[in-house]
Amino acid sequence: MFENLQERLGKTLKNISGRGRLTEDNIKDTLREVRMAFLEADVALPVVREFVKQVKERAVGIEVTKSLSPGQVFIKIVREELEKAMGEANEELSLNAQPPAVVMMAGLQGAGKTTSVGKLAKFLKERKKKSVLVVSADVYRPAAIKQLETLATEVDVEFFPSDISQKPVDIATAAISHAKKKFIDVVLVDTAGRLHVDSDMMDEIKALHHAINPIETLFVVDAMTGQDAANTAKAFDEALPLTGVILTKTDGDARGGAALSIRHITGKPIKFMGVGEHTDALEPFHPDRIASRILGMGDVLSLIEEVEMKVDKEQAAKVAQKVFKGDGFTLDDFADQLKQMKNMGGMMSMLDKLPGMQNIPDAVKGQMGDKTFIQMEAIISSMTKKERARPEIIKGSRKKRIAAGSGTQVQEINKLLKQFTQMQKMMKKMKGKGGMQKMMRGMKGMLPPGMMGGGGPKF
């Protein structure tokens, strides 16, 4: 998300960051560029106007003129105003109610409502240690009921059955009653979507809301619809007392207009964002971290949280133990590392959260996608146990066999073996006194300029 805005703002703010003095003229030029960047990112016009007005007021004020580095203070102001536009801080779900806490999901058809119910159920179960029941009140799409049942099985939460002959209010009240008897903490109610906002749909969802009185009413909206997402959210907010928004498909949205517009237009916080198709691809929305990402400063806190949750610590400890003992780093260990990275959404998902990533050329980014990971895993899987333990024996005929088995070319086998050798060397540097520092120095040379504070090769 935000690739286009990040690139455009990066160039604009770079021009002003080194200025020793800010005048109304050079601020005016920069803000014109910022305005254009926002409009191209499909941010709603009232949001753009308010943002530019606030930045201008603060930038020509005493805050900047008395500073020793006005350009840097200007960027700080832009960052703070970005945070303000998106809500300043993450707002968690309010689940402080007599159990079960009822959460109702609303939104248009195709926004990813049912998938978001599955993701949120997993989030609450694993991160908040809550018992969860999910129920579908979508009596217009039997497939939606079946989809939710499949998701409930996948994330291991309770599913309350329903069918198209029932009324939405009856389904939801029966599910809540069942949850009370079973002492379940949270009930997630999936509702019917439509292809557009219509009065019948709104009347039905209002009646359902009145009957179940949820503690949270979340509007699920597709980030790729840009500022239209904010307008649809406003229409729903006028009909329902929304408490927050889940922004879906943010991994496919290069602009970011929805994220920057929704809070301003509806006054409701974005509580979560969907960052992929898997059931664990749901992240709490932190405006401060998103502002950092937009300005190319990375989001290291989210990366650390992801590592904490998704990395198999036992497996990582085993590999570390092996390396420190001097038993070496094998291709099996390498394959395990690839799987762990895949669990975290792939290399690009991780690297996007690191500072300075906008400096990496597209050609280099192309070599870090999921396709590369799948190919590398296929190559390693096509090797024998002996070859994985002793890659130095992989010569001509073996390379041809591995290439044929993995559907790749011999040059791809060579490339993987070269990458593995580099990683092996880095792992060896970890042994002994000052090992970690040596390894970090080795990595520094392999990274692009601006990352880890060092100069790498110019791509």
Protein backbone atom coordinates (compact mmCIF):
# COMPACT_ATOMS: atom_id res chain seq x y z
CA MET A 1 0.00 0.00 0.00
CA PHE A 2 0.97 3.66 -0.58
CA GLU A 3 3.71 2.87 -3.16
CA ASN A 4 2.64 5.72 -5.47
CA LEU A 5 2.19 8.25 -2.66
CA GLN A 6 5.44 7.15 -1.02
CA GLU A 7 7.40 7.66 -4.24
CA ARG A 8 5.87 11.05 -5.05
CA LEU A 9 6.11 12.44 -1.50
CA GLY A 10 9.64 11.05 -1.14
CA LYS A 11 10.88 13.13 -4.09
CA THR A 12 8.99 16.25 -2.98
CA LEU A 13 10.11 16.21 0.64
CA LYS A 14 13.70 15.34 -0.27
CA ASN A 15 13.94 18.71 -2.02
CA ILE A 16 12.96 20.61 1.10
CA SER A 17 14.59 18.46 3.82
CA GLY A 18 18.02 20.07 3.45
CA ARG A 19 16.79 23.67 3.33
CA GLY A 20 18.46 25.93 5.87
CA ARG A 21 15.59 28.38 5.63
CA LEU A 22 11.93 27.96 4.75
CA THR A 23 10.09 30.79 3.05
CA GLU A 24 6.42 31.10 2.18
CA ASP A 25 7.40 30.64 -1.49
CA ASN A 26 9.31 27.36 -1.17
CA ILE A 27 6.67 25.99 1.26
CA LYS A 28 4.02 26.94 -1.32
CA ASP A 29 5.81 24.99 -4.08
CA THR A 30 6.26 21.95 -1.85
CA LEU A 31 2.64 21.99 -0.70
CA ARG A 32 1.47 22.21 -4.33
CA GLU A 33 3.41 18.98 -4.98
CA VAL A 34 2.02 17.38 -1.79
CA ARG A 35 -1.51 18.35 -2.89
CA MET A 36 -0.98 16.75 -6.33
CA ALA A 37 0.47 13.60 -4.71
CA PHE A 38 -2.62 13.26 -2.49
CA LEU A 39 -5.07 13.83 -5.35
CA GLU A 40 -3.25 11.24 -7.48
CA ALA A 41 -3.50 8.83 -4.53
CA ASP A 42 -7.31 9.31 -4.72
CA VAL A 43 -7.55 11.07 -1.35
CA ALA A 44 -10.87 12.92 -0.92
CA LEU A 45 -10.63 16.64 -1.75
CA PRO A 46 -11.87 17.92 1.68
CA VAL A 47 -9.13 15.84 3.33
CA VAL A 48 -6.46 17.24 0.98
CA ARG A 49 -7.60 20.82 1.61
CA GLU A 50 -7.60 20.41 5.40
CA PHE A 51 -4.22 18.65 5.38
CA VAL A 52 -2.51 21.32 3.24
CA LYS A 53 -4.08 24.13 5.31
CA GLN A 54 -2.85 22.64 8.60
CA VAL A 55 0.69 21.97 7.32
CA LYS A 56 0.95 25.49 5.86
CA GLU A 57 -0.24 27.14 9.10
CA ARG A 58 2.30 25.23 11.17
CA ALA A 59 5.16 25.48 8.63
CA VAL A 60 5.16 29.28 8.40
CA GLY A 61 4.80 29.62 12.15
CA ILE A 62 7.33 29.99 14.95
CA GLU A 63 7.74 26.18 15.20
CA VAL A 64 9.82 26.15 11.99
CA THR A 65 11.44 29.57 11.87
CA LYS A 66 13.19 29.08 15.22
CA SER A 67 14.47 25.60 14.34
CA LEU A 68 18.07 24.86 13.37
CA SER A 69 16.90 22.39 10.67
CA PRO A 70 13.65 23.79 9.22
CA GLY A 71 13.47 21.17 6.43
CA GLN A 72 13.43 18.33 8.95
CA VAL A 73 10.85 20.10 11.11
CA PHE A 74 8.67 20.46 8.00
CA ILE A 75 8.81 16.68 7.44
CA LYS A 76 7.95 16.15 11.14
CA ILE A 77 4.89 18.40 10.67
CA VAL A 78 3.82 16.45 7.56
CA ARG A 79 4.17 13.20 9.51
CA GLU A 80 2.12 14.48 12.47
CA GLU A 81 -0.63 15.80 10.17
CA LEU A 82 -0.73 12.43 8.35
CA GLU A 83 -1.21 10.72 11.71
CA LYS A 84 -3.94 13.19 12.64
CA ALA A 85 -5.76 12.61 9.33
CA MET A 86 -5.78 8.85 9.97
CA GLY A 87 -6.66 9.01 13.67
CA GLU A 88 -3.42 9.51 15.67
CA ALA A 89 -3.46 6.16 17.53
CA ASN A 90 -4.75 2.63 17.11
CA GLU A 91 -8.22 2.17 18.62
CA GLU A 92 -8.74 -1.36 19.87
CA LEU A 93 -12.05 -3.22 19.83
CA SER A 94 -14.17 -2.43 22.87
CA LEU A 95 -15.06 -5.85 24.25
CA ASN A 96 -15.74 -4.79 27.86
CA ALA A 97 -19.28 -6.11 28.03
CA GLN A 98 -21.20 -8.84 29.80
CA PRO A 99 -20.19 -11.89 27.68
CA PRO A 100 -20.79 -12.43 24.90
CA ALA A 101 -19.53 -9.15 23.40
CA VAL A 102 -21.41 -8.90 20.09
CA VAL A 103 -19.58 -7.54 17.02
CA MET A 104 -21.61 -6.90 13.86
CA MET A 105 -19.95 -6.64 10.44
CA ALA A 106 -21.55 -4.50 7.72
CA GLY A 107 -20.51 -3.57 4.19
CA LEU A 108 -21.08 -3.96 0.47
CA GLN A 109 -20.91 -7.25 -1.40
CA GLY A 110 -17.39 -8.18 -2.48
CA ALA A 111 -15.65 -6.03 0.16
CA GLY A 112 -14.31 -9.12 1.93
CA LYS A 113 -16.75 -9.16 4.86
CA THR A 114 -16.96 -12.93 5.41
CA THR A 115 -13.18 -13.36 5.04
CA SER A 116 -12.69 -10.53 7.54
CA VAL A 117 -14.97 -12.32 10.05
CA GLY A 118 -12.67 -15.38 9.79
CA LYS A 119 -9.52 -13.24 10.15
CA LEU A 120 -10.94 -11.29 13.11
CA ALA A 121 -12.00 -14.55 14.80
CA LYS A 122 -8.43 -15.84 14.51
CA PHE A 123 -7.01 -12.52 15.76
CA LEU A 124 -9.28 -12.52 18.85
CA LYS A 125 -8.61 -16.19 19.60
CA GLU A 126 -4.82 -16.09 19.21
CA ARG A 127 -3.86 -12.57 20.22
CA LYS A 128 -6.59 -11.66 22.70
CA LYS A 129 -7.15 -15.22 24.05
CA LYS A 130 -10.93 -14.97 23.59
CA SER A 131 -13.38 -17.79 22.85
CA VAL A 132 -15.23 -16.87 19.65
CA LEU A 133 -18.45 -17.92 17.91
CA VAL A 134 -19.18 -16.86 14.31
CA VAL A 135 -22.60 -16.78 12.66
CA SER A 136 -23.82 -15.76 9.20
CA ALA A 137 -27.05 -13.75 8.93
CA ASP A 138 -26.63 -13.54 5.14
CA VAL A 139 -29.77 -15.38 4.01
CA TYR A 140 -29.35 -14.31 0.38
CA ARG A 141 -26.14 -16.21 -0.34
CA PRO A 142 -25.98 -19.85 0.80
CA ALA A 143 -22.34 -19.80 -0.35
CA ALA A 144 -21.56 -17.12 2.27
CA ILE A 145 -22.86 -19.39 5.07
CA LYS A 146 -20.78 -22.30 3.75
CA GLN A 147 -17.71 -20.05 3.36
CA LEU A 148 -17.98 -18.90 6.98
CA GLU A 149 -18.33 -22.50 8.19
CA THR A 150 -15.13 -23.44 6.28
CA LEU A 151 -13.27 -20.44 7.74
CA ALA A 152 -14.46 -21.27 11.27
CA THR A 153 -13.07 -24.79 10.90
CA GLU A 154 -9.79 -23.42 9.53
CA VAL A 155 -9.24 -20.96 12.40
CA ASP A 156 -10.70 -23.36 14.98
CA VAL A 157 -13.58 -21.29 16.38
CA GLU A 158 -17.22 -22.27 16.91
CA PHE A 159 -19.66 -21.90 14.01
CA PHE A 160 -23.39 -21.40 14.62
CA PRO A 161 -25.40 -22.98 11.74
CA SER A 162 -27.99 -21.00 9.80
CA ASP A 163 -29.89 -21.37 6.52
CA ILE A 164 -31.67 -19.22 3.94
CA SER A 165 -35.17 -20.09 5.23
CA GLN A 166 -34.54 -18.18 8.48
CA LYS A 167 -34.79 -14.47 9.24
CA PRO A 168 -31.51 -12.60 9.99
CA VAL A 169 -32.80 -11.36 13.39
CA ASP A 170 -33.81 -14.89 14.45
CA ILE A 171 -30.42 -16.31 13.39
CA ALA A 172 -28.40 -13.69 15.29
CA THR A 173 -30.50 -13.79 18.50
CA ALA A 174 -30.34 -17.62 18.57
CA ALA A 175 -26.54 -17.50 18.14
CA ILE A 176 -26.15 -14.97 20.99
CA SER A 177 -28.40 -17.06 23.23
CA HIS A 178 -26.29 -20.17 22.45
CA ALA A 179 -23.07 -18.21 23.20
CA LYS A 180 -24.45 -17.13 26.60
CA LYS A 181 -25.15 -20.75 27.57
CA LYS A 182 -21.65 -21.82 26.47
CA PHE A 183 -19.92 -18.83 28.18
CA ILE A 184 -18.36 -17.71 24.86
CA ASP A 185 -16.55 -14.34 25.02
CA VAL A 186 -17.28 -12.87 21.56
CA VAL A 187 -19.94 -13.40 18.87
CA LEU A 188 -19.09 -12.17 15.35
CA VAL A 189 -22.20 -11.61 13.21
CA ASP A 190 -21.70 -11.59 9.43
CA THR A 191 -24.46 -9.70 7.57
CA ALA A 192 -25.69 -9.61 3.99
CA GLY A 193 -23.94 -7.32 1.53
CA ARG A 194 -25.31 -5.68 -1.61
CA LEU A 195 -23.72 -4.37 -4.78
CA HIS A 196 -24.81 -0.85 -3.84
CA VAL A 197 -26.36 1.02 -0.93
CA ASP A 198 -30.15 0.59 -1.08
CA SER A 199 -32.98 1.43 1.32
CA ASP A 200 -34.23 -2.16 1.76
CA MET A 201 -30.77 -3.31 2.76
CA MET A 202 -30.40 -0.44 5.20
CA ASP A 203 -33.82 -1.12 6.78
CA GLU A 204 -32.94 -4.78 7.27
CA ILE A 205 -29.54 -4.08 8.81
CA LYS A 206 -31.02 -1.37 11.09
CA ALA A 207 -33.59 -3.90 12.37
CA LEU A 208 -30.84 -6.45 12.98
CA HIS A 209 -28.70 -3.86 14.80
CA HIS A 210 -31.65 -2.86 17.00
CA ALA A 211 -32.38 -6.51 17.88
CA ILE A 212 -28.85 -7.55 18.86
CA ASN A 213 -27.45 -4.19 20.09
CA PRO A 214 -23.78 -4.94 19.27
CA ILE A 215 -20.96 -3.38 21.29
CA GLU A 216 -19.00 -2.92 18.02
CA THR A 217 -20.43 -2.28 14.55
CA LEU A 218 -17.61 -2.53 12.03
CA PHE A 219 -17.85 -1.37 8.44
CA VAL A 220 -15.81 -3.55 6.07
CA VAL A 221 -14.63 -1.70 2.96
CA ASP A 222 -12.33 -2.41 0.02
CA ALA A 223 -9.29 -0.09 0.07
CA MET A 224 -8.98 -0.35 -3.71
CA THR A 225 -12.17 1.71 -4.17
CA GLY A 226 -10.21 4.78 -2.98
CA GLN A 227 -12.21 7.79 -1.81
CA ASP A 228 -15.43 5.96 -2.79
CA ALA A 229 -14.71 3.77 0.23
CA ALA A 230 -14.99 6.85 2.46
CA ASN A 231 -18.25 7.95 0.79
CA THR A 232 -19.82 4.47 1.20
CA ALA A 233 -18.68 4.39 4.83
CA LYS A 234 -20.41 7.76 5.34
CA ALA A 235 -23.68 6.41 3.88
CA PHE A 236 -23.55 3.43 6.25
CA ASP A 237 -22.62 5.64 9.19
CA GLU A 238 -25.74 7.73 8.61
CA ALA A 239 -27.85 4.56 8.87
CA LEU A 240 -25.95 2.70 11.60
CA PRO A 241 -23.96 3.82 14.63
CA LEU A 242 -20.63 2.53 13.28
CA THR A 243 -17.81 2.17 15.80
CA GLY A 244 -14.97 1.50 13.35
CA VAL A 245 -13.75 0.37 9.96
CA ILE A 246 -11.87 -2.66 8.60
CA LEU A 247 -9.99 -1.72 5.45
CA THR A 248 -9.53 -4.79 3.23
CA LYS A 249 -7.26 -5.60 0.26
CA THR A 250 -4.66 -3.00 1.27
CA ASP A 251 -1.96 -5.24 -0.22
CA GLY A 252 -3.46 -4.58 -3.66
CA ASP A 253 -3.93 -0.83 -3.15
CA ALA A 254 -0.93 1.17 -4.37
CA ARG A 255 -2.59 4.55 -3.75
CA GLY A 256 -3.87 4.67 -0.16
CA GLY A 257 -6.68 7.19 -0.71
CA ALA A 258 -9.16 5.23 1.42
CA ALA A 259 -6.85 5.05 4.46
CA LEU A 260 -6.29 8.82 4.36
CA SER A 261 -9.94 9.75 3.72
CA ILE A 262 -12.15 7.52 5.90
CA ARG A 263 -11.39 8.98 9.33
CA HIS A 264 -11.88 12.58 8.18
CA ILE A 265 -15.13 11.90 6.30
CA THR A 266 -16.83 9.53 8.78
CA GLY A 267 -15.15 10.46 12.06
CA LYS A 268 -14.78 6.70 12.64
CA PRO A 269 -11.41 5.03 13.28
CA ILE A 270 -9.87 2.40 11.02
CA LYS A 271 -9.36 -0.43 13.50
CA PHE A 272 -7.88 -3.11 11.23
CA MET A 273 -6.50 -3.57 7.75
CA GLY A 274 -6.48 -6.76 5.66
CA VAL A 275 -3.01 -7.29 4.18
CA GLY A 276 -3.45 -10.54 2.23
CA GLU A 277 -5.63 -13.56 1.57
CA HIS A 278 -4.54 -15.79 4.47
CA THR A 279 -6.52 -15.91 7.72
CA ASP A 280 -3.63 -14.35 9.65
CA ALA A 281 -3.35 -11.41 7.22
CA LEU A 282 -5.13 -8.90 9.46
CA GLU A 283 -3.22 -6.13 11.25
CA PRO A 284 -4.36 -3.52 13.78
CA PHE A 285 -4.28 -0.11 12.06
CA HIS A 286 -1.66 2.17 13.66
CA PRO A 287 -1.80 5.68 12.10
CA ASP A 288 1.67 6.58 13.41
CA ARG A 289 3.23 3.48 11.83
CA ILE A 290 1.36 4.01 8.56
CA ALA A 291 2.54 7.65 8.44
CA SER A 292 6.11 6.36 8.85
CA ARG A 293 5.60 3.95 5.96
CA ILE A 294 4.18 6.68 3.71
CA LEU A 295 7.26 8.83 4.37
CA GLY A 296 9.64 5.91 3.71
CA MET A 297 10.67 5.63 7.36
CA GLY A 298 9.55 2.00 7.67
CA ASP A 299 7.44 0.27 10.31
CA VAL A 300 9.88 -1.68 12.43
CA LEU A 301 7.43 -2.08 15.36
CA SER A 302 4.93 -4.01 13.19
CA LEU A 303 7.78 -6.12 11.82
CA ILE A 304 8.91 -7.03 15.35
CA GLU A 305 5.33 -7.94 16.33
CA GLU A 306 5.02 -10.12 13.22
CA VAL A 307 8.29 -11.92 14.00
CA GLU A 308 7.09 -12.49 17.58
CA MET A 309 3.85 -14.06 16.36
CA LYS A 310 4.79 -15.98 13.25
CA VAL A 311 8.36 -17.21 13.67
CA ASP A 312 8.76 -20.73 15.06
CA LYS A 313 11.07 -19.83 17.94
CA GLU A 314 11.92 -23.46 18.72
CA GLN A 315 13.05 -24.10 15.14
CA ALA A 316 15.01 -20.82 15.04
CA ALA A 317 16.74 -21.74 18.34
CA LYS A 318 17.72 -25.17 16.93
CA VAL A 319 19.32 -23.56 13.85
CA ALA A 320 21.16 -21.00 16.04
CA GLN A 321 22.41 -23.78 18.31
CA LYS A 322 23.70 -25.73 15.30
CA VAL A 323 25.52 -22.70 13.93
CA PHE A 324 27.14 -21.80 17.26
CA LYS A 325 28.26 -25.40 17.77
CA GLY A 326 29.91 -25.28 14.36
CA ASP A 327 27.68 -27.99 12.84
CA GLY A 328 27.03 -25.80 9.80
CA PHE A 329 23.99 -24.39 8.03
CA THR A 330 22.43 -26.80 5.51
CA LEU A 331 20.00 -26.41 2.63
CA ASP A 332 17.32 -27.99 4.86
CA ASP A 333 17.85 -25.10 7.31
CA PHE A 334 17.70 -22.68 4.36
CA ALA A 335 14.36 -24.21 3.26
CA ASP A 336 13.03 -23.77 6.83
CA GLN A 337 14.02 -20.07 6.73
CA LEU A 338 12.13 -19.66 3.44
CA LYS A 339 9.00 -21.23 4.97
CA GLN A 340 9.22 -18.90 7.97
CA MET A 341 9.49 -15.86 5.68
CA LYS A 342 6.51 -17.12 3.66
CA ASN A 343 4.49 -17.35 6.91
CA MET A 344 5.25 -13.67 7.45
CA GLY A 345 3.79 -12.72 4.08
CA GLY A 346 6.96 -13.12 2.00
CA MET A 347 10.13 -11.09 1.68
CA MET A 348 8.44 -7.99 0.21
CA SER A 349 5.94 -7.79 3.08
CA MET A 350 8.87 -7.80 5.52
CA LEU A 351 11.07 -5.41 3.55
CA ASP A 352 8.21 -2.93 3.08
CA LYS A 353 8.36 -2.36 6.82
CA LEU A 354 12.06 -1.45 6.77
CA PRO A 355 13.25 2.17 6.37
CA GLY A 356 14.56 3.26 2.97
CA MET A 357 12.77 0.56 0.95
CA GLN A 358 11.53 3.06 -1.64
CA ASN A 359 15.18 3.41 -2.76
CA ILE A 360 15.28 -0.19 -4.00
CA PRO A 361 14.73 -0.37 -7.79
CA ASP A 362 11.71 -2.31 -9.13
CA ALA A 363 14.02 -4.81 -10.86
CA VAL A 364 15.51 -5.78 -7.48
CA LYS A 365 12.06 -5.90 -5.81
CA GLY A 366 10.95 -8.26 -8.60
CA GLN A 367 13.54 -10.77 -7.42
CA MET A 368 12.06 -10.83 -3.91
CA GLY A 369 8.46 -11.79 -4.72
CA ASP A 370 6.50 -14.90 -3.74
CA LYS A 371 7.26 -16.48 -7.12
CA THR A 372 10.99 -16.52 -6.29
CA PHE A 373 10.28 -18.15 -2.90
CA ILE A 374 8.10 -20.88 -4.46
CA GLN A 375 10.79 -21.54 -7.07
CA MET A 376 13.55 -21.80 -4.43
CA GLU A 377 11.46 -24.20 -2.34
CA ALA A 378 10.79 -26.34 -5.43
CA ILE A 379 14.53 -26.50 -6.23
CA ILE A 380 15.47 -27.60 -2.69
CA SER A 381 12.61 -30.16 -2.65
CA SER A 382 13.99 -31.69 -5.88
CA MET A 383 17.36 -32.43 -4.21
CA THR A 384 18.24 -35.66 -2.44
CA LYS A 385 18.86 -35.73 1.31
CA LYS A 386 22.59 -36.09 0.64
CA GLU A 387 22.61 -33.08 -1.73
CA ARG A 388 20.80 -30.90 0.81
CA ALA A 389 23.38 -31.83 3.47
CA ARG A 390 26.40 -31.46 1.15
CA PRO A 391 25.57 -28.95 -1.65
CA GLU A 392 29.21 -28.96 -2.86
CA ILE A 393 28.51 -32.33 -4.60
CA ILE A 394 25.86 -30.71 -6.83
CA LYS A 395 27.61 -30.63 -10.22
CA GLY A 396 26.56 -30.80 -13.92
CA SER A 397 24.32 -33.92 -14.17
CA ARG A 398 22.82 -33.39 -10.70
CA LYS A 399 21.97 -29.76 -11.58
CA LYS A 400 20.19 -30.93 -14.76
CA ARG A 401 18.16 -33.49 -12.80
CA ILE A 402 17.21 -30.93 -10.11
CA ALA A 403 16.24 -28.37 -12.80
CA ALA A 404 14.02 -30.94 -14.55
CA GLY A 405 12.43 -31.98 -11.24
CA SER A 406 11.65 -28.42 -10.16
CA GLY A 407 10.63 -27.05 -13.57
CA THR A 408 13.50 -24.54 -13.57
CA GLN A 409 16.72 -23.82 -15.49
CA VAL A 410 20.29 -24.78 -14.49
CA GLN A 411 21.18 -21.06 -14.06
CA GLU A 412 18.44 -20.82 -11.40
CA ILE A 413 20.04 -23.74 -9.52
CA ASN A 414 23.41 -21.91 -9.71
CA LYS A 415 21.81 -18.70 -8.41
CA LEU A 416 20.24 -20.47 -5.42
CA LEU A 417 23.50 -22.26 -4.55
CA LYS A 418 25.34 -18.92 -4.70
CA GLN A 419 22.79 -17.27 -2.37
CA PHE A 420 23.02 -20.24 -0.01
CA THR A 421 26.84 -20.02 0.06
CA GLN A 422 26.62 -16.31 0.95
CA MET A 423 24.20 -17.11 3.79
CA GLN A 424 26.46 -19.94 4.98
CA LYS A 425 29.40 -17.51 5.16
CA MET A 426 27.30 -15.06 7.18
CA MET A 427 26.29 -17.80 9.58
CA LYS A 428 29.97 -18.76 10.09
CA LYS A 429 30.69 -15.15 11.05
CA MET A 430 28.24 -15.51 13.93
CA LYS A 431 30.53 -18.00 15.66
CA GLY A 432 32.92 -16.71 18.28
CA LYS A 433 33.49 -13.32 19.85
CA GLY A 434 31.72 -10.36 18.24
CA GLY A 435 29.98 -12.72 15.81
CA MET A 436 26.72 -10.78 15.52
CA GLN A 437 28.56 -7.52 14.71
CA LYS A 438 30.58 -9.31 12.01
CA MET A 439 27.42 -10.76 10.51
CA MET A 440 25.68 -7.34 10.50
CA ARG A 441 28.72 -5.84 8.75
CA GLY A 442 28.51 -8.57 6.14
CA MET A 443 24.81 -7.92 5.60
CA LYS A 444 25.43 -4.18 5.36
CA GLY A 445 27.52 -4.69 2.26
CA MET A 446 24.72 -6.65 0.61
CA LEU A 447 22.02 -4.04 1.25
CA PRO A 448 21.11 -1.01 -0.88
CA PRO A 449 22.31 2.50 0.10
CA GLY A 450 20.43 4.09 2.96
CA MET A 451 19.58 0.84 4.72
CA MET A 452 21.25 -0.04 8.04
CA GLY A 453 23.06 3.26 7.75
CA GLY A 454 25.64 1.96 5.30
CA GLY A 455 26.63 2.22 1.70
CA GLY A 456 25.97 -0.91 -0.26
CA PRO A 457 26.47 -1.51 -3.94
CA LYS A 458 24.67 0.87 -6.30
CA PHE A 459 22.00 -1.16 -8.06
